[in-house]
Amino acid sequence: MKVQTARVENPQGLHARSAATIVKLATLFQSSIELKNGVKVANARNIMALLLLEATNGTHLTVCTEGIDETQALAEMLSLIQNNFGETGTIPHEH
């Protein structure tokens, strides 16, 4: 089992679109992947469970992977979280 923590930097936190991106990535691996926010745990392949983590901007998510490709799964999931779930746009500021 591999375990590491990443900070959510996305201004919108973990929301529906970013959760869908996590699910899409998780399905590429044979390993089990779980994300944890405190006592809340979510299977990375379950979009509703991910949303229930309530991971807002600044939340530290713990990523746990276990299986034949756990090292690569952990690295790619951490990268996804640290890179705003692949989202380039941020909320525009009002002038």
C-alpha atoms as a PDB file:
ATOM      1  CA  MET A   1       0.000   0.000   0.000  1.00  0.00           C
ATOM      2  CA  LYS A   2       1.179   3.506  -0.861  1.00  0.00           C
ATOM      3  CA  VAL A   3      -0.086   6.574   1.013  1.00  0.00           C
ATOM      4  CA  GLN A   4       0.602  10.274   0.461  1.00  0.00           C
ATOM      5  CA  THR A   5      -1.183  13.579   1.045  1.00  0.00           C
ATOM      6  CA  ALA A   6      -1.884  16.397  -1.422  1.00  0.00           C
ATOM      7  CA  ARG A   7      -3.417  19.835  -0.872  1.00  0.00           C
ATOM      8  CA  VAL A   8      -6.427  20.848  -2.964  1.00  0.00           C
ATOM      9  CA  GLU A   9      -5.429  24.113  -4.680  1.00  0.00           C
ATOM     10  CA  ASN A  10      -8.447  24.401  -6.984  1.00  0.00           C
ATOM     11  CA  PRO A  11     -10.463  27.551  -6.079  1.00  0.00           C
ATOM     12  CA  GLN A  12     -13.706  25.544  -6.405  1.00  0.00           C
ATOM     13  CA  GLY A  13     -12.330  22.619  -4.406  1.00  0.00           C
ATOM     14  CA  LEU A  14     -13.340  19.099  -5.365  1.00  0.00           C
ATOM     15  CA  HIS A  15     -16.588  19.559  -7.321  1.00  0.00           C
ATOM     16  CA  ALA A  16     -18.570  17.487  -9.843  1.00  0.00           C
ATOM     17  CA  ARG A  17     -16.318  18.047 -12.865  1.00  0.00           C
ATOM     18  CA  SER A  18     -13.107  17.421 -10.926  1.00  0.00           C
ATOM     19  CA  ALA A  19     -14.640  14.335  -9.284  1.00  0.00           C
ATOM     20  CA  ALA A  20     -15.491  12.988 -12.751  1.00  0.00           C
ATOM     21  CA  THR A  21     -11.862  13.544 -13.777  1.00  0.00           C
ATOM     22  CA  ILE A  22     -10.683  11.566 -10.732  1.00  0.00           C
ATOM     23  CA  VAL A  23     -13.043   8.690 -11.598  1.00  0.00           C
ATOM     24  CA  LYS A  24     -11.804   8.671 -15.200  1.00  0.00           C
ATOM     25  CA  LEU A  25      -8.181   8.479 -14.048  1.00  0.00           C
ATOM     26  CA  ALA A  26      -8.905   5.847 -11.392  1.00  0.00           C
ATOM     27  CA  THR A  27     -10.473   3.499 -13.949  1.00  0.00           C
ATOM     28  CA  LEU A  28      -7.144   3.357 -15.824  1.00  0.00           C
ATOM     29  CA  PHE A  29      -5.520   1.441 -12.955  1.00  0.00           C
ATOM     30  CA  GLN A  30      -5.994  -2.054 -11.581  1.00  0.00           C
ATOM     31  CA  SER A  31      -5.102  -0.902  -8.056  1.00  0.00           C
ATOM     32  CA  SER A  32      -7.703   0.235  -5.563  1.00  0.00           C
ATOM     33  CA  ILE A  33      -7.533   3.987  -4.962  1.00  0.00           C
ATOM     34  CA  GLU A  34      -9.079   5.756  -1.991  1.00  0.00           C
ATOM     35  CA  LEU A  35      -9.155   9.419  -1.088  1.00  0.00           C
ATOM     36  CA  LYS A  36      -9.567  10.507   2.523  1.00  0.00           C
ATOM     37  CA  ASN A  37     -10.527  13.811   4.115  1.00  0.00           C
ATOM     38  CA  GLY A  38     -10.246  13.310   7.864  1.00  0.00           C
ATOM     39  CA  VAL A  39     -12.532  10.401   8.750  1.00  0.00           C
ATOM     40  CA  LYS A  40     -14.352  10.520   5.391  1.00  0.00           C
ATOM     41  CA  VAL A  41     -13.156   7.916   2.871  1.00  0.00           C
ATOM     42  CA  ALA A  42     -14.103   7.620  -0.808  1.00  0.00           C
ATOM     43  CA  ASN A  43     -13.372   5.057  -3.488  1.00  0.00           C
ATOM     44  CA  ALA A  44     -11.841   7.067  -6.347  1.00  0.00           C
ATOM     45  CA  ARG A  45     -14.170   5.282  -8.795  1.00  0.00           C
ATOM     46  CA  ASN A  46     -17.317   6.530  -6.999  1.00  0.00           C
ATOM     47  CA  ILE A  47     -18.257  10.084  -7.974  1.00  0.00           C
ATOM     48  CA  MET A  48     -20.873  10.501  -5.232  1.00  0.00           C
ATOM     49  CA  ALA A  49     -18.467   9.307  -2.523  1.00  0.00           C
ATOM     50  CA  LEU A  50     -15.860  11.785  -3.807  1.00  0.00           C
ATOM     51  CA  LEU A  51     -18.336  14.675  -3.587  1.00  0.00           C
ATOM     52  CA  LEU A  52     -19.235  13.655  -0.031  1.00  0.00           C
ATOM     53  CA  LEU A  53     -15.598  14.221   0.988  1.00  0.00           C
ATOM     54  CA  GLU A  54     -16.459  17.951   0.935  1.00  0.00           C
ATOM     55  CA  ALA A  55     -12.887  18.819  -0.047  1.00  0.00           C
ATOM     56  CA  THR A  56     -12.796  22.592  -0.380  1.00  0.00           C
ATOM     57  CA  ASN A  57      -9.843  24.706  -1.486  1.00  0.00           C
ATOM     58  CA  GLY A  58      -7.006  24.146   1.002  1.00  0.00           C
ATOM     59  CA  THR A  59      -8.163  20.686   2.101  1.00  0.00           C
ATOM     60  CA  HIS A  60      -5.463  18.061   2.524  1.00  0.00           C
ATOM     61  CA  LEU A  61      -6.546  14.826   0.835  1.00  0.00           C
ATOM     62  CA  THR A  62      -4.809  11.557   1.647  1.00  0.00           C
ATOM     63  CA  VAL A  63      -4.452   9.247  -1.357  1.00  0.00           C
ATOM     64  CA  CYS A  64      -4.142   5.510  -0.662  1.00  0.00           C
ATOM     65  CA  THR A  65      -3.378   3.050  -3.451  1.00  0.00           C
ATOM     66  CA  GLU A  66      -3.013  -0.704  -3.257  1.00  0.00           C
ATOM     67  CA  GLY A  67      -2.350  -3.202  -6.020  1.00  0.00           C
ATOM     68  CA  ILE A  68      -0.106  -4.150  -8.894  1.00  0.00           C
ATOM     69  CA  ASP A  69       0.243  -0.584 -10.264  1.00  0.00           C
ATOM     70  CA  GLU A  70      -0.098   1.292  -6.934  1.00  0.00           C
ATOM     71  CA  THR A  71       3.054   3.403  -7.374  1.00  0.00           C
ATOM     72  CA  GLN A  72       1.988   4.814 -10.742  1.00  0.00           C
ATOM     73  CA  ALA A  73      -1.616   5.220  -9.573  1.00  0.00           C
ATOM     74  CA  LEU A  74      -0.461   7.216  -6.553  1.00  0.00           C
ATOM     75  CA  ALA A  75       1.859   9.429  -8.604  1.00  0.00           C
ATOM     76  CA  GLU A  76      -0.770  10.247 -11.221  1.00  0.00           C
ATOM     77  CA  MET A  77      -3.560  10.869  -8.682  1.00  0.00           C
ATOM     78  CA  LEU A  78      -1.321  13.210  -6.644  1.00  0.00           C
ATOM     79  CA  SER A  79      -0.339  15.033  -9.821  1.00  0.00           C
ATOM     80  CA  LEU A  80      -3.989  15.440 -10.809  1.00  0.00           C
ATOM     81  CA  ILE A  81      -4.909  16.915  -7.410  1.00  0.00           C
ATOM     82  CA  GLN A  82      -1.874  19.211  -7.317  1.00  0.00           C
ATOM     83  CA  ASN A  83      -2.612  20.465 -10.849  1.00  0.00           C
ATOM     84  CA  ASN A  84      -6.183  21.623 -10.086  1.00  0.00           C
ATOM     85  CA  PHE A  85      -7.708  18.432 -11.529  1.00  0.00           C
ATOM     86  CA  GLY A  86      -6.552  19.468 -14.986  1.00  0.00           C
ATOM     87  CA  GLU A  87      -8.635  22.634 -14.926  1.00  0.00           C
ATOM     88  CA  THR A  88      -6.892  25.730 -16.237  1.00  0.00           C
ATOM     89  CA  GLY A  89      -9.612  28.301 -15.651  1.00  0.00           C
ATOM     90  CA  THR A  90     -10.258  29.933 -12.306  1.00  0.00           C
ATOM     91  CA  ILE A  91     -13.164  31.965 -11.066  1.00  0.00           C
ATOM     92  CA  PRO A  92     -12.906  35.437 -12.651  1.00  0.00           C
ATOM     93  CA  HIS A  93     -12.495  38.287 -10.201  1.00  0.00           C
ATOM     94  CA  GLU A  94     -15.086  41.047 -10.228  1.00  0.00           C
ATOM     95  CA  HIS A  95     -13.757  44.517 -11.005  1.00  0.00           C
END
